[in-house]
């Protein structure tokens, strides 16, 4: 029973007095809180009178974050930017969800990781706010977008160490995923469940101490792209999954050759 219901329910004189005091005290407390917010965020009450509205709540959030650095027009603009940013993130997540559902239903034969498909535009992930993007300054890509430090992701239930997306001309051409080797079997099984039985090859690796390890490499082809899963990738405690278009490999090779030719001119 809520406080308001209790105030109506009690009928005896003694109980009524007790509840009346409690209700009055609660009302005073609420009134005091509102007065405090009125003094702290007067512009928010002016711009967004409805206290329960998203605009009002966002306004107080922005005001608390940036103190009194905004005038009325600047505050309204800052609130709208934050609302637009969150709406774009929500729309982007919904698009990814729909792509994941389509892939799960067998309607999408493209290679994708949780709805992030090869060939998709960079805006698809930029709008989610989960990635930070940069220019690598080398032939590997025009832009590389990595999962932000505070963002977590999994593959087939295994925690991901590194998730990087590689773009040429604004289109996704490669996806690189690194995770603990102990999860390789479950990841490989999940990929086989989604894409069917892949091709497998093995190679022998040797560490500095002379110990040998059998590296398993699984691959799948879809159109003009390849998905590859390696049990050992660089280190024996690290496995990887790489989604890569044929164009990514061709463009990297072309740019690397151009870069080498340009560097010889500086001799």
C-alpha atoms as a PDB file:
ATOM      1  CA  UNK A   1       0.000   0.000   0.000  1.00  0.00           C
ATOM      2  CA  UNK A   2       1.393   3.404  -0.978  1.00  0.00           C
ATOM      3  CA  UNK A   3       1.541   6.374   1.399  1.00  0.00           C
ATOM      4  CA  UNK A   4      -1.374   8.104  -0.334  1.00  0.00           C
ATOM      5  CA  UNK A   5      -3.559   4.994  -0.077  1.00  0.00           C
ATOM      6  CA  UNK A   6      -2.633   4.607   3.588  1.00  0.00           C
ATOM      7  CA  UNK A   7      -3.683   8.196   4.265  1.00  0.00           C
ATOM      8  CA  UNK A   8      -7.189   7.394   3.009  1.00  0.00           C
ATOM      9  CA  UNK A   9      -7.443   3.946   4.536  1.00  0.00           C
ATOM     10  CA  UNK A  10      -6.865   4.783   8.194  1.00  0.00           C
ATOM     11  CA  UNK A  11     -10.188   5.726   9.899  1.00  0.00           C
ATOM     12  CA  UNK A  12      -9.567   5.598  13.628  1.00  0.00           C
ATOM     13  CA  UNK A  13      -8.746   8.902  15.282  1.00  0.00           C
ATOM     14  CA  UNK A  14      -5.351   7.896  16.607  1.00  0.00           C
ATOM     15  CA  UNK A  15      -4.278   6.171  13.417  1.00  0.00           C
ATOM     16  CA  UNK A  16      -5.568   9.082  11.371  1.00  0.00           C
ATOM     17  CA  UNK A  17      -3.482  11.578  13.345  1.00  0.00           C
ATOM     18  CA  UNK A  18      -0.377   9.427  12.984  1.00  0.00           C
ATOM     19  CA  UNK A  19      -0.884   9.006   9.265  1.00  0.00           C
ATOM     20  CA  UNK A  20      -1.764  12.683   8.792  1.00  0.00           C
ATOM     21  CA  UNK A  21       1.567  13.681  10.328  1.00  0.00           C
ATOM     22  CA  UNK A  22       3.389  11.160   8.128  1.00  0.00           C
ATOM     23  CA  UNK A  23       1.653  12.363   4.994  1.00  0.00           C
ATOM     24  CA  UNK A  24       2.233  16.006   5.848  1.00  0.00           C
ATOM     25  CA  UNK A  25       5.908  15.331   6.520  1.00  0.00           C
ATOM     26  CA  UNK A  26       6.225  13.512   3.186  1.00  0.00           C
ATOM     27  CA  UNK A  27       4.502  16.373   1.368  1.00  0.00           C
ATOM     28  CA  UNK A  28       6.816  18.919   2.969  1.00  0.00           C
ATOM     29  CA  UNK A  29       9.844  16.827   2.021  1.00  0.00           C
ATOM     30  CA  UNK A  30       8.646  16.561  -1.575  1.00  0.00           C
ATOM     31  CA  UNK A  31       7.922  20.266  -1.671  1.00  0.00           C
ATOM     32  CA  UNK A  32      11.385  20.968  -0.287  1.00  0.00           C
ATOM     33  CA  UNK A  33      12.974  18.769  -2.951  1.00  0.00           C
ATOM     34  CA  UNK A  34      11.070  20.589  -5.678  1.00  0.00           C
ATOM     35  CA  UNK A  35      12.097  23.972  -4.309  1.00  0.00           C
ATOM     36  CA  UNK A  36      15.686  22.785  -4.290  1.00  0.00           C
ATOM     37  CA  UNK A  37      15.460  21.685  -7.932  1.00  0.00           C
ATOM     38  CA  UNK A  38      13.746  24.951  -8.876  1.00  0.00           C
ATOM     39  CA  UNK A  39      16.671  26.891  -7.450  1.00  0.00           C
ATOM     40  CA  UNK A  40      19.273  24.559  -8.962  1.00  0.00           C
ATOM     41  CA  UNK A  41      17.764  24.289 -12.464  1.00  0.00           C
ATOM     42  CA  UNK A  42      15.506  27.310 -13.092  1.00  0.00           C
ATOM     43  CA  UNK A  43      16.069  27.247 -16.851  1.00  0.00           C
ATOM     44  CA  UNK A  44      14.949  23.628 -17.066  1.00  0.00           C
ATOM     45  CA  UNK A  45      11.634  24.465 -15.395  1.00  0.00           C
ATOM     46  CA  UNK A  46      11.306  27.360 -17.820  1.00  0.00           C
ATOM     47  CA  UNK A  47      12.170  25.368 -20.958  1.00  0.00           C
ATOM     48  CA  UNK A  48      10.478  22.099 -19.971  1.00  0.00           C
ATOM     49  CA  UNK A  49       7.699  22.773 -17.422  1.00  0.00           C
ATOM     50  CA  UNK A  50       6.574  19.133 -17.412  1.00  0.00           C
ATOM     51  CA  UNK A  51       8.913  17.622 -14.819  1.00  0.00           C
ATOM     52  CA  UNK A  52       8.267  14.025 -15.902  1.00  0.00           C
ATOM     53  CA  UNK A  53       9.192  14.727 -19.528  1.00  0.00           C
ATOM     54  CA  UNK A  54      12.345  13.389 -21.164  1.00  0.00           C
ATOM     55  CA  UNK A  55      13.312  16.944 -22.065  1.00  0.00           C
ATOM     56  CA  UNK A  56      13.150  18.108 -18.452  1.00  0.00           C
ATOM     57  CA  UNK A  57      15.151  15.158 -17.151  1.00  0.00           C
ATOM     58  CA  UNK A  58      17.759  15.557 -19.891  1.00  0.00           C
ATOM     59  CA  UNK A  59      17.954  19.289 -19.147  1.00  0.00           C
ATOM     60  CA  UNK A  60      18.731  18.712 -15.469  1.00  0.00           C
ATOM     61  CA  UNK A  61      21.319  16.107 -16.487  1.00  0.00           C
ATOM     62  CA  UNK A  62      23.044  18.560 -18.845  1.00  0.00           C
ATOM     63  CA  UNK A  63      22.825  21.384 -16.300  1.00  0.00           C
ATOM     64  CA  UNK A  64      24.333  19.225 -13.556  1.00  0.00           C
ATOM     65  CA  UNK A  65      27.165  18.160 -15.864  1.00  0.00           C
ATOM     66  CA  UNK A  66      28.091  21.627 -17.081  1.00  0.00           C
ATOM     67  CA  UNK A  67      26.940  23.727 -14.113  1.00  0.00           C
ATOM     68  CA  UNK A  68      25.976  27.293 -15.059  1.00  0.00           C
ATOM     69  CA  UNK A  69      28.006  27.572 -18.257  1.00  0.00           C
ATOM     70  CA  UNK A  70      24.943  27.804 -20.542  1.00  0.00           C
ATOM     71  CA  UNK A  71      22.416  30.576 -21.119  1.00  0.00           C
ATOM     72  CA  UNK A  72      18.820  29.719 -22.062  1.00  0.00           C
ATOM     73  CA  UNK A  73      19.413  29.253 -25.804  1.00  0.00           C
ATOM     74  CA  UNK A  74      22.670  27.353 -25.342  1.00  0.00           C
ATOM     75  CA  UNK A  75      21.096  25.016 -22.810  1.00  0.00           C
ATOM     76  CA  UNK A  76      18.153  24.267 -25.098  1.00  0.00           C
ATOM     77  CA  UNK A  77      20.576  23.518 -27.957  1.00  0.00           C
ATOM     78  CA  UNK A  78      22.739  21.272 -25.741  1.00  0.00           C
ATOM     79  CA  UNK A  79      19.691  19.328 -24.565  1.00  0.00           C
ATOM     80  CA  UNK A  80      18.475  18.854 -28.134  1.00  0.00           C
ATOM     81  CA  UNK A  81      21.910  17.622 -29.249  1.00  0.00           C
ATOM     82  CA  UNK A  82      21.959  15.030 -26.473  1.00  0.00           C
ATOM     83  CA  UNK A  83      18.398  13.927 -27.261  1.00  0.00           C
ATOM     84  CA  UNK A  84      19.269  13.615 -30.975  1.00  0.00           C
ATOM     85  CA  UNK A  85      22.449  11.687 -30.161  1.00  0.00           C
ATOM     86  CA  UNK A  86      20.561   9.214 -27.987  1.00  0.00           C
ATOM     87  CA  UNK A  87      17.843   8.809 -30.601  1.00  0.00           C
ATOM     88  CA  UNK A  88      20.440   8.055 -33.287  1.00  0.00           C
ATOM     89  CA  UNK A  89      22.044   5.484 -30.972  1.00  0.00           C
ATOM     90  CA  UNK A  90      18.656   3.875 -30.304  1.00  0.00           C
ATOM     91  CA  UNK A  91      17.841   3.810 -34.038  1.00  0.00           C
ATOM     92  CA  UNK A  92      21.250   2.325 -34.853  1.00  0.00           C
ATOM     93  CA  UNK A  93      20.838  -0.402 -32.235  1.00  0.00           C
ATOM     94  CA  UNK A  94      17.385  -1.189 -33.649  1.00  0.00           C
ATOM     95  CA  UNK A  95      18.800  -1.494 -37.169  1.00  0.00           C
ATOM     96  CA  UNK A  96      21.500  -3.857 -35.894  1.00  0.00           C
ATOM     97  CA  UNK A  97      18.875  -5.879 -34.041  1.00  0.00           C
ATOM     98  CA  UNK A  98      16.796  -6.225 -37.196  1.00  0.00           C
ATOM     99  CA  UNK A  99      19.872  -7.278 -39.168  1.00  0.00           C
ATOM    100  CA  UNK A 100      20.743  -9.864 -36.510  1.00  0.00           C
ATOM    101  CA  UNK A 101      17.189 -11.220 -36.584  1.00  0.00           C
ATOM    102  CA  UNK A 102      17.273 -11.412 -40.386  1.00  0.00           C
ATOM    103  CA  UNK A 103      20.583 -13.273 -40.311  1.00  0.00           C
ATOM    104  CA  UNK A 104      19.297 -15.681 -37.653  1.00  0.00           C
ATOM    105  CA  UNK A 105      16.217 -16.381 -39.785  1.00  0.00           C
ATOM    106  CA  UNK A 106      18.393 -17.184 -42.785  1.00  0.00           C
ATOM    107  CA  UNK A 107      17.262 -14.117 -44.740  1.00  0.00           C
ATOM    108  CA  UNK A 108      20.771 -12.683 -44.927  1.00  0.00           C
ATOM    109  CA  UNK A 109      23.585 -14.705 -46.483  1.00  0.00           C
ATOM    110  CA  UNK A 110      26.209 -12.009 -45.956  1.00  0.00           C
ATOM    111  CA  UNK A 111      29.004 -12.374 -43.447  1.00  0.00           C
ATOM    112  CA  UNK A 112      28.163 -10.365 -40.363  1.00  0.00           C
ATOM    113  CA  UNK A 113      28.959 -10.131 -36.675  1.00  0.00           C
ATOM    114  CA  UNK A 114      25.807  -9.454 -34.673  1.00  0.00           C
ATOM    115  CA  UNK A 115      24.266  -7.449 -37.486  1.00  0.00           C
ATOM    116  CA  UNK A 116      27.459  -5.563 -38.376  1.00  0.00           C
ATOM    117  CA  UNK A 117      27.835  -6.759 -41.957  1.00  0.00           C
ATOM    118  CA  UNK A 118      30.682  -6.457 -44.409  1.00  0.00           C
ATOM    119  CA  UNK A 119      29.834  -3.695 -46.866  1.00  0.00           C
ATOM    120  CA  UNK A 120      27.810  -1.684 -44.348  1.00  0.00           C
ATOM    121  CA  UNK A 121      28.346   2.065 -43.939  1.00  0.00           C
ATOM    122  CA  UNK A 122      30.492   3.438 -41.127  1.00  0.00           C
ATOM    123  CA  UNK A 123      27.525   5.527 -39.898  1.00  0.00           C
ATOM    124  CA  UNK A 124      25.888   2.268 -38.790  1.00  0.00           C
ATOM    125  CA  UNK A 125      28.294   1.892 -35.877  1.00  0.00           C
ATOM    126  CA  UNK A 126      29.218   5.553 -35.363  1.00  0.00           C
ATOM    127  CA  UNK A 127      25.633   6.306 -34.381  1.00  0.00           C
ATOM    128  CA  UNK A 128      25.630   3.622 -31.667  1.00  0.00           C
ATOM    129  CA  UNK A 129      28.212   5.574 -29.639  1.00  0.00           C
ATOM    130  CA  UNK A 130      29.956   2.305 -28.689  1.00  0.00           C
ATOM    131  CA  UNK A 131      32.997   2.716 -30.942  1.00  0.00           C
ATOM    132  CA  UNK A 132      35.850   5.182 -31.285  1.00  0.00           C
ATOM    133  CA  UNK A 133      37.212   5.684 -34.812  1.00  0.00           C
ATOM    134  CA  UNK A 134      40.569   6.928 -36.047  1.00  0.00           C
ATOM    135  CA  UNK A 135      42.697   7.272 -39.168  1.00  0.00           C
ATOM    136  CA  UNK A 136      45.466   4.624 -38.880  1.00  0.00           C
ATOM    137  CA  UNK A 137      47.743   6.467 -41.292  1.00  0.00           C
ATOM    138  CA  UNK A 138      48.703   3.277 -43.148  1.00  0.00           C
ATOM    139  CA  UNK A 139      47.336   1.089 -45.991  1.00  0.00           C
ATOM    140  CA  UNK A 140      45.326  -1.218 -43.708  1.00  0.00           C
ATOM    141  CA  UNK A 141      42.241   1.042 -43.806  1.00  0.00           C
ATOM    142  CA  UNK A 142      40.975   4.599 -44.164  1.00  0.00           C
ATOM    143  CA  UNK A 143      39.310   4.347 -40.775  1.00  0.00           C
ATOM    144  CA  UNK A 144      39.554   1.840 -37.931  1.00  0.00           C
ATOM    145  CA  UNK A 145      36.795   1.725 -35.329  1.00  0.00           C
ATOM    146  CA  UNK A 146      37.395  -0.100 -32.049  1.00  0.00           C
ATOM    147  CA  UNK A 147      35.045  -0.909 -29.220  1.00  0.00           C
ATOM    148  CA  UNK A 148      35.414   1.717 -26.502  1.00  0.00           C
ATOM    149  CA  UNK A 149      37.212   0.753 -23.295  1.00  0.00           C
ATOM    150  CA  UNK A 150      34.059   0.710 -21.168  1.00  0.00           C
ATOM    151  CA  UNK A 151      32.047  -1.281 -23.736  1.00  0.00           C
ATOM    152  CA  UNK A 152      31.874  -5.073 -23.479  1.00  0.00           C
ATOM    153  CA  UNK A 153      31.027  -7.612 -26.176  1.00  0.00           C
ATOM    154  CA  UNK A 154      30.992 -11.386 -26.597  1.00  0.00           C
ATOM    155  CA  UNK A 155      31.205 -13.905 -29.411  1.00  0.00           C
ATOM    156  CA  UNK A 156      29.336 -17.175 -28.890  1.00  0.00           C
ATOM    157  CA  UNK A 157      29.272 -16.305 -25.174  1.00  0.00           C
ATOM    158  CA  UNK A 158      33.039 -15.754 -24.960  1.00  0.00           C
ATOM    159  CA  UNK A 159      34.313 -12.336 -23.793  1.00  0.00           C
ATOM    160  CA  UNK A 160      36.009 -10.402 -26.576  1.00  0.00           C
ATOM    161  CA  UNK A 161      39.408  -8.866 -25.920  1.00  0.00           C
ATOM    162  CA  UNK A 162      39.567  -6.757 -29.064  1.00  0.00           C
ATOM    163  CA  UNK A 163      36.916  -5.877 -31.644  1.00  0.00           C
ATOM    164  CA  UNK A 164      38.126  -3.736 -34.564  1.00  0.00           C
ATOM    165  CA  UNK A 165      36.314  -2.700 -37.744  1.00  0.00           C
ATOM    166  CA  UNK A 166      38.242  -1.638 -40.870  1.00  0.00           C
ATOM    167  CA  UNK A 167      36.765   0.735 -43.456  1.00  0.00           C
ATOM    168  CA  UNK A 168      37.740   1.775 -46.961  1.00  0.00           C
ATOM    169  CA  UNK A 169      35.797   4.721 -48.436  1.00  0.00           C
ATOM    170  CA  UNK A 170      33.269   4.537 -45.602  1.00  0.00           C
ATOM    171  CA  UNK A 171      32.387   0.858 -46.143  1.00  0.00           C
ATOM    172  CA  UNK A 172      33.222  -1.991 -43.776  1.00  0.00           C
ATOM    173  CA  UNK A 173      35.701  -4.372 -45.423  1.00  0.00           C
ATOM    174  CA  UNK A 174      37.152  -6.296 -42.442  1.00  0.00           C
ATOM    175  CA  UNK A 175      36.225  -7.272 -38.886  1.00  0.00           C
ATOM    176  CA  UNK A 176      38.894  -8.509 -36.473  1.00  0.00           C
ATOM    177  CA  UNK A 177      38.004 -10.225 -33.191  1.00  0.00           C
ATOM    178  CA  UNK A 178      40.415 -11.549 -30.552  1.00  0.00           C
ATOM    179  CA  UNK A 179      39.473 -13.695 -27.542  1.00  0.00           C
ATOM    180  CA  UNK A 180      40.951 -16.249 -25.118  1.00  0.00           C
ATOM    181  CA  UNK A 181      42.068 -19.504 -26.764  1.00  0.00           C
ATOM    182  CA  UNK A 182      40.175 -21.569 -24.189  1.00  0.00           C
ATOM    183  CA  UNK A 183      36.936 -20.472 -25.888  1.00  0.00           C
ATOM    184  CA  UNK A 184      37.985 -21.436 -29.420  1.00  0.00           C
ATOM    185  CA  UNK A 185      36.021 -24.689 -29.580  1.00  0.00           C
ATOM    186  CA  UNK A 186      32.722 -23.074 -28.571  1.00  0.00           C
ATOM    187  CA  UNK A 187      33.245 -20.184 -30.988  1.00  0.00           C
ATOM    188  CA  UNK A 188      34.124 -22.545 -33.846  1.00  0.00           C
ATOM    189  CA  UNK A 189      31.042 -24.642 -33.094  1.00  0.00           C
ATOM    190  CA  UNK A 190      28.808 -21.552 -33.109  1.00  0.00           C
ATOM    191  CA  UNK A 191      30.240 -20.388 -36.448  1.00  0.00           C
ATOM    192  CA  UNK A 192      29.639 -23.849 -37.930  1.00  0.00           C
ATOM    193  CA  UNK A 193      26.065 -23.738 -36.634  1.00  0.00           C
ATOM    194  CA  UNK A 194      25.483 -20.375 -38.332  1.00  0.00           C
ATOM    195  CA  UNK A 195      27.422 -20.823 -41.589  1.00  0.00           C
ATOM    196  CA  UNK A 196      27.632 -24.595 -41.998  1.00  0.00           C
ATOM    197  CA  UNK A 197      30.662 -26.844 -42.032  1.00  0.00           C
ATOM    198  CA  UNK A 198      33.722 -24.820 -42.973  1.00  0.00           C
ATOM    199  CA  UNK A 199      36.994 -25.836 -44.560  1.00  0.00           C
ATOM    200  CA  UNK A 200      39.694 -26.815 -42.103  1.00  0.00           C
ATOM    201  CA  UNK A 201      43.448 -26.864 -42.367  1.00  0.00           C
ATOM    202  CA  UNK A 202      46.174 -27.222 -39.775  1.00  0.00           C
ATOM    203  CA  UNK A 203      49.703 -25.977 -39.328  1.00  0.00           C
ATOM    204  CA  UNK A 204      52.422 -26.649 -36.804  1.00  0.00           C
ATOM    205  CA  UNK A 205      53.667 -23.771 -34.689  1.00  0.00           C
ATOM    206  CA  UNK A 206      56.773 -23.723 -32.524  1.00  0.00           C
ATOM    207  CA  UNK A 207      57.525 -21.399 -29.628  1.00  0.00           C
ATOM    208  CA  UNK A 208      60.928 -20.138 -28.490  1.00  0.00           C
ATOM    209  CA  UNK A 209      61.335 -23.088 -26.147  1.00  0.00           C
ATOM    210  CA  UNK A 210      60.951 -25.566 -29.002  1.00  0.00           C
ATOM    211  CA  UNK A 211      57.466 -26.761 -28.024  1.00  0.00           C
ATOM    212  CA  UNK A 212      55.144 -27.440 -30.970  1.00  0.00           C
ATOM    213  CA  UNK A 213      51.412 -26.751 -31.264  1.00  0.00           C
ATOM    214  CA  UNK A 214      48.861 -27.717 -33.883  1.00  0.00           C
ATOM    215  CA  UNK A 215      47.045 -24.636 -35.088  1.00  0.00           C
ATOM    216  CA  UNK A 216      43.558 -25.223 -36.480  1.00  0.00           C
ATOM    217  CA  UNK A 217      42.251 -22.770 -39.059  1.00  0.00           C
ATOM    218  CA  UNK A 218      38.615 -22.857 -40.170  1.00  0.00           C
ATOM    219  CA  UNK A 219      37.277 -20.817 -43.082  1.00  0.00           C
ATOM    220  CA  UNK A 220      33.988 -20.078 -44.834  1.00  0.00           C
ATOM    221  CA  UNK A 221      33.316 -18.327 -48.153  1.00  0.00           C
ATOM    222  CA  UNK A 222      30.295 -16.131 -48.815  1.00  0.00           C
ATOM    223  CA  UNK A 223      30.230 -14.322 -52.142  1.00  0.00           C
ATOM    224  CA  UNK A 224      33.407 -12.248 -52.378  1.00  0.00           C
ATOM    225  CA  UNK A 225      34.348 -12.508 -48.712  1.00  0.00           C
ATOM    226  CA  UNK A 226      35.969 -14.943 -46.295  1.00  0.00           C
ATOM    227  CA  UNK A 227      35.447 -15.717 -42.621  1.00  0.00           C
ATOM    228  CA  UNK A 228      38.461 -17.262 -40.885  1.00  0.00           C
ATOM    229  CA  UNK A 229      38.815 -18.583 -37.340  1.00  0.00           C
ATOM    230  CA  UNK A 230      42.288 -19.346 -35.942  1.00  0.00           C
ATOM    231  CA  UNK A 231      42.920 -21.301 -32.781  1.00  0.00           C
ATOM    232  CA  UNK A 232      46.267 -19.580 -32.246  1.00  0.00           C
ATOM    233  CA  UNK A 233      46.691 -16.034 -33.463  1.00  0.00           C
ATOM    234  CA  UNK A 234      50.018 -14.429 -32.625  1.00  0.00           C
ATOM    235  CA  UNK A 235      50.081 -16.028 -29.163  1.00  0.00           C
ATOM    236  CA  UNK A 236      49.112 -19.461 -27.900  1.00  0.00           C
ATOM    237  CA  UNK A 237      46.655 -17.950 -25.424  1.00  0.00           C
ATOM    238  CA  UNK A 238      44.825 -15.929 -28.104  1.00  0.00           C
ATOM    239  CA  UNK A 239      42.346 -17.013 -30.774  1.00  0.00           C
ATOM    240  CA  UNK A 240      40.901 -14.850 -33.521  1.00  0.00           C
ATOM    241  CA  UNK A 241      38.046 -14.515 -35.961  1.00  0.00           C
ATOM    242  CA  UNK A 242      38.496 -12.418 -39.093  1.00  0.00           C
ATOM    243  CA  UNK A 243      35.790 -11.350 -41.529  1.00  0.00           C
ATOM    244  CA  UNK A 244      37.382  -9.950 -44.702  1.00  0.00           C
ATOM    245  CA  UNK A 245      36.182  -8.984 -48.161  1.00  0.00           C
ATOM    246  CA  UNK A 246      38.305  -9.801 -51.190  1.00  0.00           C
ATOM    247  CA  UNK A 247      38.423  -6.066 -51.873  1.00  0.00           C
ATOM    248  CA  UNK A 248      40.065  -5.461 -48.472  1.00  0.00           C
ATOM    249  CA  UNK A 249      42.972  -7.725 -49.342  1.00  0.00           C
ATOM    250  CA  UNK A 250      43.311  -6.325 -52.860  1.00  0.00           C
ATOM    251  CA  UNK A 251      43.162  -2.710 -51.696  1.00  0.00           C
ATOM    252  CA  UNK A 252      45.646  -3.279 -48.894  1.00  0.00           C
ATOM    253  CA  UNK A 253      48.077  -4.921 -51.321  1.00  0.00           C
ATOM    254  CA  UNK A 254      47.682  -2.087 -53.823  1.00  0.00           C
ATOM    255  CA  UNK A 255      48.174   0.646 -51.220  1.00  0.00           C
ATOM    256  CA  UNK A 256      51.160  -1.084 -49.641  1.00  0.00           C
ATOM    257  CA  UNK A 257      52.915  -1.311 -53.017  1.00  0.00           C
ATOM    258  CA  UNK A 258      52.195   2.363 -53.638  1.00  0.00           C
ATOM    259  CA  UNK A 259      53.526   3.243 -50.193  1.00  0.00           C
ATOM    260  CA  UNK A 260      56.771   1.325 -50.829  1.00  0.00           C
ATOM    261  CA  UNK A 261      57.263   3.054 -54.193  1.00  0.00           C
ATOM    262  CA  UNK A 262      56.694   6.467 -52.607  1.00  0.00           C
ATOM    263  CA  UNK A 263      59.204   5.740 -49.847  1.00  0.00           C
ATOM    264  CA  UNK A 264      61.971   4.967 -52.351  1.00  0.00           C
ATOM    265  CA  UNK A 265      61.739   8.548 -53.593  1.00  0.00           C
ATOM    266  CA  UNK A 266      63.013   9.686 -50.192  1.00  0.00           C
ATOM    267  CA  UNK A 267      66.402   7.982 -50.621  1.00  0.00           C
END
